[in-house]
Protein backbone atom coordinates (compact mmCIF):
# COMPACT_ATOMS: atom_id res chain seq x y z
CA MET A 1 -36.94 52.58 -31.71
CA LYS A 2 -35.33 56.00 -32.21
CA MET A 3 -37.59 59.02 -31.73
CA GLN A 4 -36.42 62.33 -33.17
CA VAL A 5 -37.24 65.17 -30.79
CA ILE A 6 -36.95 68.85 -31.71
CA ILE A 7 -36.15 71.45 -29.03
CA GLU A 8 -36.49 75.13 -29.82
CA LYS A 9 -36.95 78.50 -28.19
CA ASP A 10 -40.22 80.32 -28.79
CA GLU A 11 -41.91 83.44 -27.46
CA ARG A 12 -43.14 81.64 -24.30
CA GLY A 13 -39.96 79.75 -23.45
CA TYR A 14 -38.96 76.40 -24.95
CA SER A 15 -40.90 73.81 -26.91
CA VAL A 16 -40.10 70.12 -27.31
CA TYR A 17 -41.92 67.97 -29.83
CA SER A 18 -41.62 64.63 -31.56
CA ASP A 19 -40.95 64.53 -35.28
CA GLY A 20 -41.94 61.78 -37.68
CA LEU A 21 -44.05 59.57 -35.44
CA LYS A 22 -46.74 57.48 -37.16
CA SER A 23 -48.93 57.64 -34.06
CA GLY A 24 -49.05 61.45 -33.81
CA ILE A 25 -47.08 64.22 -32.18
CA ILE A 26 -45.99 64.53 -28.57
CA ILE A 27 -45.26 67.98 -27.18
CA GLY A 28 -43.92 69.67 -24.08
CA ASP A 29 -43.07 73.20 -23.10
CA GLY A 30 -41.46 75.12 -20.27
CA LYS A 31 -39.50 78.17 -19.24
CA SER A 32 -36.24 76.20 -19.64
CA VAL A 33 -35.13 73.26 -21.78
CA ALA A 34 -35.14 71.06 -18.67
CA GLU A 35 -38.76 72.01 -17.87
CA ALA A 36 -39.84 71.49 -21.47
CA LYS A 37 -38.16 68.05 -21.63
CA GLU A 38 -39.82 67.05 -18.36
CA ASP A 39 -43.21 68.16 -19.71
CA PHE A 40 -42.53 66.22 -22.93
CA MET A 41 -41.73 63.05 -20.96
CA ASN A 42 -44.90 63.49 -18.86
CA THR A 43 -46.94 63.89 -22.04
CA LEU A 44 -45.33 60.75 -23.50
CA GLU A 45 -46.31 58.79 -20.38
CA GLU A 46 -49.86 60.15 -20.54
CA VAL A 47 -50.15 59.19 -24.22
CA ARG A 48 -48.80 55.69 -23.52
CA SER A 49 -51.27 55.19 -20.68
CA THR A 50 -54.27 55.97 -22.91
CA TYR A 51 -53.71 52.93 -25.14
CA PRO A 52 -54.18 50.18 -22.50
CA ALA A 53 -57.01 52.20 -20.94
CA ARG A 54 -58.82 51.90 -24.29
CA GLY A 55 -57.95 48.23 -24.70
CA MET A 56 -55.35 48.99 -27.37
CA GLU A 57 -51.72 47.99 -27.70
CA ILE A 58 -49.11 50.74 -27.30
CA PRO A 59 -47.54 51.47 -30.72
CA GLU A 60 -44.04 50.02 -31.08
CA GLU A 61 -42.52 53.48 -31.62
CA LEU A 62 -43.75 54.54 -28.16
CA VAL A 63 -42.86 51.41 -26.18
CA ASP A 64 -39.21 52.07 -25.28
CA PRO A 65 -37.99 54.92 -27.49
CA GLU A 66 -34.40 56.02 -27.75
CA PHE A 67 -34.34 59.80 -28.11
CA GLU A 68 -32.37 61.78 -30.66
CA PHE A 69 -32.57 65.41 -29.53
CA LYS A 70 -32.10 68.19 -32.09
CA TYR A 71 -31.65 71.68 -30.67
CA ASP A 72 -31.87 75.16 -32.07
CA VAL A 73 -28.96 77.38 -30.97
CA ALA A 74 -30.85 79.13 -28.17
CA SER A 75 -31.94 75.79 -26.72
CA VAL A 76 -28.53 74.16 -26.82
CA PHE A 77 -27.02 76.99 -24.80
CA ASP A 78 -29.88 76.83 -22.29
CA GLU A 79 -29.30 73.09 -21.94
CA LEU A 80 -25.53 73.63 -21.59
CA GLU A 81 -25.75 76.75 -19.44
CA PHE A 82 -22.37 75.98 -17.86
CA ILE A 83 -20.63 76.87 -21.13
CA ASN A 84 -19.04 80.31 -21.02
CA LEU A 85 -20.36 81.94 -24.19
CA THR A 86 -17.39 84.31 -24.58
CA LYS A 87 -14.89 81.44 -24.36
CA PHE A 88 -17.01 79.28 -26.65
CA ALA A 89 -17.16 82.08 -29.23
CA GLU A 90 -13.38 82.40 -29.07
CA LEU A 91 -12.90 78.65 -29.44
CA SER A 92 -15.36 78.31 -32.31
CA GLY A 93 -14.32 81.42 -34.24
CA PHE A 94 -17.55 83.36 -33.66
CA ASN A 95 -17.99 86.96 -32.69
CA SER A 96 -19.26 86.72 -29.10
CA SER A 97 -21.87 89.45 -29.67
CA LEU A 98 -23.29 87.56 -32.68
CA LEU A 99 -23.36 84.32 -30.68
CA ARG A 100 -25.32 86.06 -27.90
CA HIS A 101 -27.87 87.22 -30.49
CA TYR A 102 -28.20 83.63 -31.75
CA LYS A 103 -28.64 82.44 -28.16
CA ARG A 104 -31.43 84.93 -27.50
CA GLY A 105 -33.07 84.08 -30.82
CA ASP A 106 -32.70 87.65 -32.10
CA PHE A 107 -31.27 86.53 -35.45
CA ALA A 108 -31.99 83.55 -37.65
CA ILE A 109 -28.98 81.32 -38.07
CA SER A 110 -27.85 79.82 -41.35
CA GLY A 111 -27.21 76.11 -41.73
CA LYS A 112 -23.52 76.84 -42.20
CA GLN A 113 -23.30 78.77 -38.92
CA ALA A 114 -25.33 76.11 -37.07
CA SER A 115 -22.95 73.43 -38.39
CA LYS A 116 -19.98 75.47 -37.18
CA ILE A 117 -21.47 75.63 -33.67
CA GLU A 118 -22.26 71.91 -33.72
CA LYS A 119 -18.71 71.09 -34.81
CA ALA A 120 -17.26 73.18 -31.97
CA LEU A 121 -19.56 71.44 -29.45
CA HIS A 122 -18.48 68.03 -30.74
CA ASP A 123 -14.82 69.07 -30.52
CA ILE A 124 -15.37 70.02 -26.87
CA GLY A 125 -17.05 66.66 -26.29
CA ARG A 126 -14.09 64.77 -27.74
CA ARG A 127 -11.73 66.78 -25.54
CA LEU A 128 -13.82 65.98 -22.47
CA VAL A 129 -14.02 62.26 -23.23
CA ALA A 130 -10.22 62.13 -23.59
CA ILE A 131 -9.68 63.42 -20.04
CA SER A 132 -8.64 61.09 -17.25
CA VAL A 133 -8.53 62.34 -13.67
CA PHE A 134 -6.48 60.76 -10.89
């Protein structure tokens, strides 16, 4: 079953939480996206372990979930820290200073701007997948 997971920057670092589960919400947090995801996975395991301990069956949505991660802009650039922000801004048609503000979470981003960033990331992904090395 597919579990939608939201990742976003907050005042303490990064938060990761499930969205739309019938059995409740699962959360994690950390100073980086990687730490927050690890905390989320630990919480998921703890939640799963409580069901058998209480003589209950683990809900289907928690048995073997496939994750669909949705990132805010700050989180995606923490997750993909190897991306040069200046080059990415150039490639995607953004002002690099504005993109840095989005990354820090200084400014709210519109849906249109978020879609533009997502499109540029997907374009990079297609370029990477097309590469063969010998």
